[in-house]
Amino acid sequence: MRLIFGACVLDTETRQLLRAGEPVHLTPKAFELLQGLLERRPRVLSKAELREQLWPHTHVHEANLPNLVAEVRAAVADDARSPRFIRTVHGFGYAFCGEAAAVSRRHARLRISSGQAVLEDLGSRNGTFVMGERLAGPAHLGDGDEFRLGSALFTFRVFRTPPFPETRDP
């Protein structure tokens, strides 16, 4: 599953975080924290809940969790004072507060051939929609058609180059 938020993509299958298309290093625990916050959004997770998720049946120092949150914030370019993604609930825990879209790794296929664009759903759980209708089979797309992959909305655009003038040999 791929979770898209802001300029970031968290790919749970490859365990990779991309920001603006570039890989960003996250320690394994920071990855688990971000994944847990995203999967349970917008719910606030208590510090105890997060410690149990990240370090089950282990006693860790209280500072480990805030340090991990700081690592995640740095990786996704978030600011604790005016958060776009990770909100601190003082005295309680943390929550993912941004908009995020989940898209299956193989959600749909867009084929472009011979000047035609065809969109197909690949058996996704959240569905593929064209102009508000769920796809039951392949759909031809035209300039300006809107389609949705899960909760991510796209507009299909066609840009054509003008034909080149014919040249003649003298």
N, C-alpha and C. Protein backbone atom coordinates (compact mmCIF):
# COMPACT_ATOMS: atom_id res chain seq x y z
N MET A 1 0.85 -1.18 0.00
CA MET A 1 0.00 0.00 0.00
C MET A 1 0.90 1.24 0.00
N ARG A 2 0.49 2.23 -0.75
CA ARG A 2 1.19 3.51 -0.79
C ARG A 2 0.29 4.56 -0.16
N LEU A 3 0.85 5.31 0.78
CA LEU A 3 0.13 6.39 1.44
C LEU A 3 0.77 7.70 1.00
N ILE A 4 -0.05 8.55 0.38
CA ILE A 4 0.45 9.80 -0.20
C ILE A 4 -0.02 10.97 0.66
N PHE A 5 0.91 11.83 1.08
CA PHE A 5 0.57 13.03 1.85
C PHE A 5 1.58 14.11 1.52
N GLY A 6 1.07 15.31 1.25
CA GLY A 6 1.96 16.40 0.87
C GLY A 6 2.83 15.96 -0.30
N ALA A 7 4.14 16.20 -0.19
CA ALA A 7 5.09 15.79 -1.23
C ALA A 7 5.68 14.42 -0.92
N CYS A 8 5.07 13.69 0.03
CA CYS A 8 5.62 12.41 0.50
C CYS A 8 4.78 11.23 0.06
N VAL A 9 5.48 10.09 -0.09
CA VAL A 9 4.84 8.81 -0.36
C VAL A 9 5.48 7.80 0.59
N LEU A 10 4.65 7.14 1.39
CA LEU A 10 5.14 6.07 2.25
C LEU A 10 4.69 4.76 1.62
N ASP A 11 5.66 3.96 1.19
CA ASP A 11 5.36 2.69 0.55
C ASP A 11 5.60 1.59 1.57
N THR A 12 4.51 0.99 2.06
CA THR A 12 4.64 -0.01 3.12
C THR A 12 5.18 -1.34 2.60
N GLU A 13 5.06 -1.59 1.30
CA GLU A 13 5.55 -2.84 0.73
C GLU A 13 7.07 -2.82 0.60
N THR A 14 7.62 -1.71 0.13
CA THR A 14 9.07 -1.60 -0.03
C THR A 14 9.73 -0.98 1.21
N ARG A 15 8.90 -0.56 2.18
CA ARG A 15 9.36 0.11 3.41
C ARG A 15 10.27 1.28 3.06
N GLN A 16 9.71 2.16 2.22
CA GLN A 16 10.47 3.32 1.75
C GLN A 16 9.63 4.59 1.87
N LEU A 17 10.28 5.68 2.25
CA LEU A 17 9.67 7.00 2.27
C LEU A 17 10.30 7.83 1.17
N LEU A 18 9.45 8.43 0.33
CA LEU A 18 9.92 9.35 -0.70
C LEU A 18 9.39 10.73 -0.39
N ARG A 19 10.23 11.75 -0.57
CA ARG A 19 9.78 13.13 -0.45
C ARG A 19 10.20 13.84 -1.73
N ALA A 20 9.23 14.39 -2.44
CA ALA A 20 9.46 15.01 -3.74
C ALA A 20 10.17 14.04 -4.68
N GLY A 21 9.79 12.76 -4.58
CA GLY A 21 10.33 11.74 -5.47
C GLY A 21 11.68 11.18 -5.07
N GLU A 22 12.29 11.71 -4.02
CA GLU A 22 13.61 11.27 -3.58
C GLU A 22 13.50 10.43 -2.30
N PRO A 23 14.27 9.34 -2.20
CA PRO A 23 14.23 8.52 -0.99
C PRO A 23 14.74 9.31 0.22
N VAL A 24 14.07 9.12 1.35
CA VAL A 24 14.46 9.76 2.60
C VAL A 24 14.73 8.65 3.61
N HIS A 25 15.88 8.73 4.28
CA HIS A 25 16.23 7.70 5.27
C HIS A 25 15.36 7.83 6.52
N LEU A 26 14.83 6.70 6.95
CA LEU A 26 14.13 6.60 8.23
C LEU A 26 14.62 5.33 8.92
N THR A 27 14.87 5.42 10.22
CA THR A 27 15.21 4.21 10.96
C THR A 27 13.97 3.30 10.97
N PRO A 28 14.15 2.00 11.20
CA PRO A 28 13.00 1.09 11.21
C PRO A 28 11.91 1.51 12.21
N LYS A 29 12.28 1.97 13.39
CA LYS A 29 11.28 2.39 14.38
C LYS A 29 10.54 3.65 13.92
N ALA A 30 11.25 4.59 13.29
CA ALA A 30 10.61 5.80 12.79
C ALA A 30 9.63 5.45 11.67
N PHE A 31 10.00 4.50 10.82
CA PHE A 31 9.10 4.05 9.76
C PHE A 31 7.83 3.46 10.37
N GLU A 32 7.98 2.60 11.38
CA GLU A 32 6.82 1.99 12.06
C GLU A 32 5.94 3.05 12.71
N LEU A 33 6.55 4.07 13.30
CA LEU A 33 5.78 5.14 13.92
C LEU A 33 4.95 5.88 12.87
N LEU A 34 5.59 6.29 11.78
CA LEU A 34 4.87 7.01 10.74
C LEU A 34 3.77 6.15 10.14
N GLN A 35 4.05 4.90 9.87
CA GLN A 35 3.04 4.00 9.32
C GLN A 35 1.86 3.85 10.29
N GLY A 36 2.15 3.67 11.57
CA GLY A 36 1.08 3.53 12.56
C GLY A 36 0.21 4.77 12.67
N LEU A 37 0.84 5.95 12.66
CA LEU A 37 0.07 7.20 12.73
C LEU A 37 -0.79 7.38 11.48
N LEU A 38 -0.24 7.07 10.31
CA LEU A 38 -1.00 7.20 9.06
C LEU A 38 -2.17 6.22 9.01
N GLU A 39 -1.93 4.99 9.38
CA GLU A 39 -2.98 3.97 9.30
C GLU A 39 -4.13 4.23 10.27
N ARG A 40 -3.85 4.93 11.35
CA ARG A 40 -4.91 5.18 12.35
C ARG A 40 -5.42 6.62 12.33
N ARG A 41 -5.00 7.39 11.32
CA ARG A 41 -5.41 8.79 11.23
C ARG A 41 -6.92 8.91 11.20
N PRO A 42 -7.53 9.91 11.73
CA PRO A 42 -6.99 11.03 12.48
C PRO A 42 -6.94 10.77 14.00
N ARG A 43 -7.11 9.51 14.37
CA ARG A 43 -7.14 9.15 15.79
C ARG A 43 -5.85 9.53 16.51
N VAL A 44 -5.98 10.04 17.73
CA VAL A 44 -4.82 10.35 18.57
C VAL A 44 -4.39 9.07 19.25
N LEU A 45 -3.11 8.75 19.14
CA LEU A 45 -2.56 7.57 19.80
C LEU A 45 -1.82 8.01 21.06
N SER A 46 -2.13 7.36 22.15
CA SER A 46 -1.49 7.72 23.41
C SER A 46 -0.02 7.31 23.38
N LYS A 47 0.76 7.95 24.24
CA LYS A 47 2.18 7.60 24.34
C LYS A 47 2.34 6.14 24.73
N ALA A 48 1.50 5.66 25.64
CA ALA A 48 1.57 4.26 26.07
C ALA A 48 1.27 3.32 24.91
N GLU A 49 0.26 3.66 24.12
CA GLU A 49 -0.11 2.85 22.95
C GLU A 49 1.05 2.80 21.94
N LEU A 50 1.67 3.95 21.71
CA LEU A 50 2.78 4.01 20.76
C LEU A 50 4.00 3.25 21.28
N ARG A 51 4.28 3.37 22.58
CA ARG A 51 5.41 2.61 23.15
C ARG A 51 5.16 1.11 23.02
N GLU A 52 3.93 0.68 23.25
CA GLU A 52 3.60 -0.75 23.13
C GLU A 52 3.70 -1.21 21.68
N GLN A 53 3.32 -0.36 20.75
CA GLN A 53 3.42 -0.69 19.32
C GLN A 53 4.89 -0.80 18.88
N LEU A 54 5.70 0.15 19.33
CA LEU A 54 7.08 0.24 18.87
C LEU A 54 8.06 -0.63 19.66
N TRP A 55 7.85 -0.74 20.96
CA TRP A 55 8.74 -1.50 21.82
C TRP A 55 7.92 -2.43 22.71
N PRO A 56 7.27 -3.44 22.14
CA PRO A 56 6.40 -4.30 22.94
C PRO A 56 7.17 -5.05 24.04
N HIS A 57 6.60 -5.05 25.21
CA HIS A 57 7.14 -5.78 26.37
C HIS A 57 8.58 -5.39 26.70
N THR A 58 8.93 -4.13 26.40
CA THR A 58 10.27 -3.63 26.68
C THR A 58 10.16 -2.28 27.37
N HIS A 59 11.00 -2.06 28.38
CA HIS A 59 11.03 -0.76 29.03
C HIS A 59 12.03 0.12 28.28
N VAL A 60 11.56 1.29 27.82
CA VAL A 60 12.45 2.23 27.14
C VAL A 60 12.36 3.58 27.84
N HIS A 61 13.38 4.38 27.66
CA HIS A 61 13.42 5.71 28.26
C HIS A 61 12.32 6.58 27.66
N GLU A 62 11.72 7.44 28.47
CA GLU A 62 10.63 8.33 28.04
C GLU A 62 11.00 9.19 26.84
N ALA A 63 12.28 9.56 26.71
CA ALA A 63 12.71 10.46 25.62
C ALA A 63 12.74 9.77 24.26
N ASN A 64 12.69 8.43 24.22
CA ASN A 64 12.78 7.72 22.95
C ASN A 64 11.64 8.09 22.00
N LEU A 65 10.43 8.19 22.51
CA LEU A 65 9.29 8.49 21.64
C LEU A 65 9.37 9.91 21.06
N PRO A 66 9.58 10.96 21.88
CA PRO A 66 9.71 12.29 21.29
C PRO A 66 10.88 12.40 20.30
N ASN A 67 11.97 11.68 20.56
CA ASN A 67 13.10 11.69 19.63
C ASN A 67 12.71 11.05 18.30
N LEU A 68 11.94 9.99 18.36
CA LEU A 68 11.47 9.31 17.15
C LEU A 68 10.50 10.21 16.37
N VAL A 69 9.62 10.91 17.09
CA VAL A 69 8.70 11.84 16.44
C VAL A 69 9.49 12.95 15.75
N ALA A 70 10.54 13.44 16.38
CA ALA A 70 11.39 14.48 15.78
C ALA A 70 12.06 13.96 14.51
N GLU A 71 12.49 12.70 14.52
CA GLU A 71 13.10 12.11 13.33
C GLU A 71 12.09 12.05 12.18
N VAL A 72 10.87 11.63 12.48
CA VAL A 72 9.83 11.55 11.45
C VAL A 72 9.49 12.94 10.93
N ARG A 73 9.35 13.90 11.83
CA ARG A 73 9.05 15.27 11.39
C ARG A 73 10.13 15.82 10.46
N ALA A 74 11.38 15.56 10.78
CA ALA A 74 12.47 16.02 9.92
C ALA A 74 12.41 15.34 8.55
N ALA A 75 12.08 14.06 8.54
CA ALA A 75 12.03 13.31 7.28
C ALA A 75 10.92 13.79 6.36
N VAL A 76 9.78 14.20 6.94
CA VAL A 76 8.65 14.64 6.11
C VAL A 76 8.56 16.16 6.02
N ALA A 77 9.57 16.86 6.50
CA ALA A 77 9.64 18.33 6.48
C ALA A 77 8.45 18.95 7.18
N ASP A 78 8.19 18.48 8.40
CA ASP A 78 7.09 19.01 9.21
C ASP A 78 7.67 19.85 10.35
N ASP A 79 6.85 20.73 10.89
CA ASP A 79 7.28 21.63 11.96
C ASP A 79 6.38 21.42 13.18
N ALA A 80 6.98 21.14 14.32
CA ALA A 80 6.21 20.88 15.54
C ALA A 80 5.37 22.09 15.95
N ARG A 81 5.84 23.31 15.67
CA ARG A 81 5.12 24.53 16.08
C ARG A 81 3.90 24.82 15.21
N SER A 82 3.96 24.45 13.95
CA SER A 82 2.79 24.59 13.07
C SER A 82 2.72 23.34 12.18
N PRO A 83 2.25 22.25 12.78
CA PRO A 83 2.30 20.95 12.08
C PRO A 83 1.32 20.85 10.91
N ARG A 84 1.81 20.22 9.85
CA ARG A 84 0.95 19.89 8.71
C ARG A 84 0.60 18.41 8.73
N PHE A 85 1.46 17.60 9.41
CA PHE A 85 1.27 16.16 9.38
C PHE A 85 1.17 15.51 10.77
N ILE A 86 2.08 15.85 11.67
CA ILE A 86 2.09 15.18 12.98
C ILE A 86 1.80 16.19 14.08
N ARG A 87 0.68 15.97 14.74
CA ARG A 87 0.20 16.88 15.78
C ARG A 87 0.50 16.28 17.15
N THR A 88 1.06 17.12 18.03
CA THR A 88 1.30 16.71 19.41
C THR A 88 0.07 17.04 20.23
N VAL A 89 -0.41 16.06 20.99
CA VAL A 89 -1.50 16.29 21.93
C VAL A 89 -0.82 16.26 23.30
N HIS A 90 -0.50 17.46 23.79
CA HIS A 90 0.32 17.59 25.00
C HIS A 90 -0.25 16.78 26.16
N GLY A 91 0.67 16.06 26.79
CA GLY A 91 0.31 15.24 27.94
C GLY A 91 -0.39 13.95 27.58
N PHE A 92 -0.58 13.67 26.27
CA PHE A 92 -1.31 12.46 25.89
C PHE A 92 -0.59 11.64 24.82
N GLY A 93 -0.34 12.26 23.63
CA GLY A 93 0.25 11.47 22.55
C GLY A 93 0.38 12.25 21.25
N TYR A 94 0.18 11.54 20.14
CA TYR A 94 0.40 12.12 18.81
C TYR A 94 -0.67 11.63 17.84
N ALA A 95 -0.89 12.43 16.78
CA ALA A 95 -1.85 12.06 15.74
C ALA A 95 -1.34 12.54 14.39
N PHE A 96 -1.70 11.82 13.33
CA PHE A 96 -1.44 12.30 11.98
C PHE A 96 -2.59 13.23 11.64
N CYS A 97 -2.30 14.48 11.31
CA CYS A 97 -3.35 15.48 11.12
C CYS A 97 -3.49 15.97 9.67
N GLY A 98 -2.66 15.48 8.76
CA GLY A 98 -2.72 15.94 7.37
C GLY A 98 -3.67 15.11 6.53
N GLU A 99 -3.89 15.59 5.31
CA GLU A 99 -4.67 14.82 4.33
C GLU A 99 -3.76 13.74 3.76
N ALA A 100 -4.29 12.54 3.62
CA ALA A 100 -3.51 11.45 3.05
C ALA A 100 -4.42 10.60 2.18
N ALA A 101 -3.85 10.05 1.13
CA ALA A 101 -4.59 9.17 0.23
C ALA A 101 -3.87 7.84 0.16
N ALA A 102 -4.62 6.77 0.24
CA ALA A 102 -4.06 5.43 0.12
C ALA A 102 -4.32 4.91 -1.28
N VAL A 103 -3.27 4.46 -1.93
CA VAL A 103 -3.38 3.92 -3.28
C VAL A 103 -2.65 2.58 -3.30
N SER A 104 -3.32 1.56 -3.81
CA SER A 104 -2.71 0.24 -3.93
C SER A 104 -1.53 0.31 -4.88
N ARG A 105 -0.56 -0.53 -4.64
CA ARG A 105 0.63 -0.55 -5.50
C ARG A 105 0.23 -0.83 -6.94
N ARG A 106 -0.69 -1.75 -7.16
CA ARG A 106 -1.17 -2.06 -8.50
C ARG A 106 -2.67 -1.79 -8.53
N HIS A 107 -3.02 -0.56 -8.42
CA HIS A 107 -4.42 -0.14 -8.32
C HIS A 107 -5.10 -0.14 -9.69
N ALA A 108 -4.45 0.49 -10.65
CA ALA A 108 -5.04 0.64 -11.98
C ALA A 108 -3.93 0.73 -13.00
N ARG A 109 -4.31 0.62 -14.27
CA ARG A 109 -3.36 0.74 -15.37
C ARG A 109 -3.89 1.76 -16.36
N LEU A 110 -3.03 2.67 -16.78
CA LEU A 110 -3.36 3.65 -17.81
C LEU A 110 -2.50 3.31 -19.02
N ARG A 111 -3.16 2.92 -20.11
CA ARG A 111 -2.45 2.57 -21.34
C ARG A 111 -2.70 3.67 -22.37
N ILE A 112 -1.63 4.12 -22.99
CA ILE A 112 -1.75 5.12 -24.05
C ILE A 112 -1.12 4.53 -25.30
N SER A 113 -1.93 4.41 -26.34
CA SER A 113 -1.47 3.80 -27.57
C SER A 113 -2.28 4.34 -28.74
N SER A 114 -1.59 4.65 -29.82
CA SER A 114 -2.25 5.14 -31.05
C SER A 114 -3.17 6.32 -30.77
N GLY A 115 -2.76 7.22 -29.91
CA GLY A 115 -3.55 8.41 -29.63
C GLY A 115 -4.74 8.19 -28.72
N GLN A 116 -4.87 6.99 -28.15
CA GLN A 116 -5.99 6.67 -27.26
C GLN A 116 -5.45 6.39 -25.85
N ALA A 117 -6.19 6.82 -24.82
CA ALA A 117 -5.85 6.53 -23.43
C ALA A 117 -6.96 5.67 -22.85
N VAL A 118 -6.56 4.54 -22.25
CA VAL A 118 -7.53 3.61 -21.67
C VAL A 118 -7.12 3.34 -20.22
N LEU A 119 -8.08 3.50 -19.30
CA LEU A 119 -7.86 3.26 -17.87
C LEU A 119 -8.55 1.97 -17.48
N GLU A 120 -7.83 1.10 -16.74
CA GLU A 120 -8.40 -0.16 -16.27
C GLU A 120 -8.16 -0.30 -14.77
N ASP A 121 -9.15 -0.81 -14.06
CA ASP A 121 -8.99 -1.13 -12.65
C ASP A 121 -8.33 -2.51 -12.56
N LEU A 122 -7.40 -2.69 -11.62
CA LEU A 122 -6.71 -3.97 -11.48
C LEU A 122 -7.16 -4.73 -10.25
N GLY A 123 -8.47 -4.64 -9.96
CA GLY A 123 -9.02 -5.36 -8.81
C GLY A 123 -8.75 -4.68 -7.48
N SER A 124 -8.66 -3.36 -7.50
CA SER A 124 -8.36 -2.61 -6.28
C SER A 124 -9.51 -2.69 -5.28
N ARG A 125 -9.17 -2.59 -4.00
CA ARG A 125 -10.19 -2.61 -2.95
C ARG A 125 -11.01 -1.33 -2.92
N ASN A 126 -10.34 -0.19 -3.15
CA ASN A 126 -11.03 1.10 -3.04
C ASN A 126 -11.68 1.57 -4.32
N GLY A 127 -11.46 0.86 -5.41
CA GLY A 127 -12.13 1.18 -6.67
C GLY A 127 -11.44 2.25 -7.49
N THR A 128 -11.73 2.21 -8.78
CA THR A 128 -11.26 3.20 -9.74
C THR A 128 -12.51 3.82 -10.33
N PHE A 129 -12.57 5.15 -10.35
CA PHE A 129 -13.76 5.86 -10.79
C PHE A 129 -13.39 6.82 -11.91
N VAL A 130 -14.24 6.89 -12.94
CA VAL A 130 -14.08 7.86 -14.02
C VAL A 130 -15.35 8.68 -14.07
N MET A 131 -15.19 10.00 -13.96
CA MET A 131 -16.32 10.93 -13.96
C MET A 131 -17.38 10.51 -12.93
N GLY A 132 -16.92 10.05 -11.76
CA GLY A 132 -17.80 9.69 -10.66
C GLY A 132 -18.40 8.30 -10.72
N GLU A 133 -18.16 7.54 -11.78
CA GLU A 133 -18.71 6.19 -11.93
C GLU A 133 -17.61 5.15 -11.72
N ARG A 134 -17.90 4.13 -10.91
CA ARG A 134 -16.94 3.06 -10.67
C ARG A 134 -16.72 2.26 -11.95
N LEU A 135 -15.45 1.97 -12.26
CA LEU A 135 -15.15 1.22 -13.47
C LEU A 135 -15.58 -0.24 -13.34
N ALA A 136 -16.26 -0.72 -14.36
CA ALA A 136 -16.63 -2.13 -14.44
C ALA A 136 -15.79 -2.81 -15.53
N GLY A 137 -15.16 -2.00 -16.37
CA GLY A 137 -14.32 -2.48 -17.46
C GLY A 137 -13.43 -1.35 -17.91
N PRO A 138 -12.66 -1.54 -18.97
CA PRO A 138 -11.79 -0.47 -19.47
C PRO A 138 -12.58 0.77 -19.86
N ALA A 139 -11.99 1.94 -19.63
CA ALA A 139 -12.66 3.21 -19.97
C ALA A 139 -11.70 4.09 -20.76
N HIS A 140 -12.19 4.65 -21.87
CA HIS A 140 -11.41 5.60 -22.66
C HIS A 140 -11.44 6.95 -21.97
N LEU A 141 -10.29 7.61 -21.90
CA LEU A 141 -10.19 8.93 -21.29
C LEU A 141 -9.99 9.99 -22.35
N GLY A 142 -10.62 11.13 -22.14
CA GLY A 142 -10.43 12.29 -23.00
C GLY A 142 -9.90 13.45 -22.19
N ASP A 143 -9.47 14.48 -22.87
CA ASP A 143 -8.92 15.66 -22.21
C ASP A 143 -9.91 16.22 -21.19
N GLY A 144 -9.45 16.41 -19.96
CA GLY A 144 -10.28 16.98 -18.91
C GLY A 144 -11.06 15.97 -18.09
N ASP A 145 -11.04 14.68 -18.48
CA ASP A 145 -11.76 13.67 -17.70
C ASP A 145 -11.12 13.53 -16.32
N GLU A 146 -11.96 13.45 -15.30
CA GLU A 146 -11.47 13.25 -13.94
C GLU A 146 -11.59 11.77 -13.60
N PHE A 147 -10.56 11.25 -12.92
CA PHE A 147 -10.64 9.88 -12.43
C PHE A 147 -10.05 9.81 -11.03
N ARG A 148 -10.55 8.85 -10.27
CA ARG A 148 -10.13 8.67 -8.88
C ARG A 148 -9.57 7.27 -8.70
N LEU A 149 -8.43 7.19 -8.03
CA LEU A 149 -7.84 5.92 -7.60
C LEU A 149 -7.93 5.93 -6.08
N GLY A 150 -8.90 5.21 -5.54
CA GLY A 150 -9.15 5.30 -4.10
C GLY A 150 -9.63 6.70 -3.79
N SER A 151 -8.91 7.41 -2.93
CA SER A 151 -9.31 8.77 -2.58
C SER A 151 -8.48 9.84 -3.31
N ALA A 152 -7.56 9.40 -4.19
CA ALA A 152 -6.73 10.36 -4.94
C ALA A 152 -7.42 10.75 -6.24
N LEU A 153 -7.64 12.04 -6.45
CA LEU A 153 -8.33 12.56 -7.62
C LEU A 153 -7.32 13.08 -8.65
N PHE A 154 -7.53 12.72 -9.92
CA PHE A 154 -6.66 13.14 -11.01
C PHE A 154 -7.49 13.71 -12.14
N THR A 155 -6.88 14.60 -12.92
CA THR A 155 -7.49 15.11 -14.15
C THR A 155 -6.58 14.72 -15.30
N PHE A 156 -7.15 14.03 -16.28
CA PHE A 156 -6.39 13.59 -17.44
C PHE A 156 -6.29 14.75 -18.43
N ARG A 157 -5.07 15.09 -18.83
CA ARG A 157 -4.87 16.19 -19.76
C ARG A 157 -4.18 15.68 -21.01
N VAL A 158 -4.58 16.19 -22.16
CA VAL A 158 -3.96 15.85 -23.44
C VAL A 158 -3.33 17.11 -24.01
N PHE A 159 -2.06 17.03 -24.28
CA PHE A 159 -1.35 18.14 -24.89
C PHE A 159 -0.84 17.67 -26.24
N ARG A 160 -1.27 18.31 -27.25
CA ARG A 160 -0.85 17.92 -28.60
C ARG A 160 0.10 18.98 -29.15
N THR A 161 1.12 18.50 -29.84
CA THR A 161 2.04 19.43 -30.48
C THR A 161 1.48 19.77 -31.86
N PRO A 162 1.63 21.01 -32.28
CA PRO A 162 1.10 21.37 -33.61
C PRO A 162 1.86 20.62 -34.69
N PRO A 163 1.19 20.29 -35.80
CA PRO A 163 1.88 19.57 -36.87
C PRO A 163 2.98 20.46 -37.47
N PHE A 164 4.06 19.82 -37.87
CA PHE A 164 5.15 20.56 -38.50
C PHE A 164 4.78 20.84 -39.95
N PRO A 165 5.13 22.02 -40.46
CA PRO A 165 4.83 22.31 -41.87
C PRO A 165 5.63 21.39 -42.78
N GLU A 166 5.04 21.06 -43.91
CA GLU A 166 5.71 20.20 -44.86
C GLU A 166 6.82 21.00 -45.53
N THR A 167 7.95 20.36 -45.71
CA THR A 167 9.06 21.04 -46.42
C THR A 167 9.28 20.34 -47.75
N ARG A 168 9.70 21.13 -48.72
CA ARG A 168 9.97 20.58 -50.06
C ARG A 168 11.42 20.84 -50.41
N ASP A 169 12.00 19.88 -51.09
CA ASP A 169 13.36 20.06 -51.58
C ASP A 169 13.34 20.99 -52.80
N PRO A 170 14.32 21.91 -52.92
CA PRO A 170 14.32 22.84 -54.07
C PRO A 170 14.59 22.17 -55.40
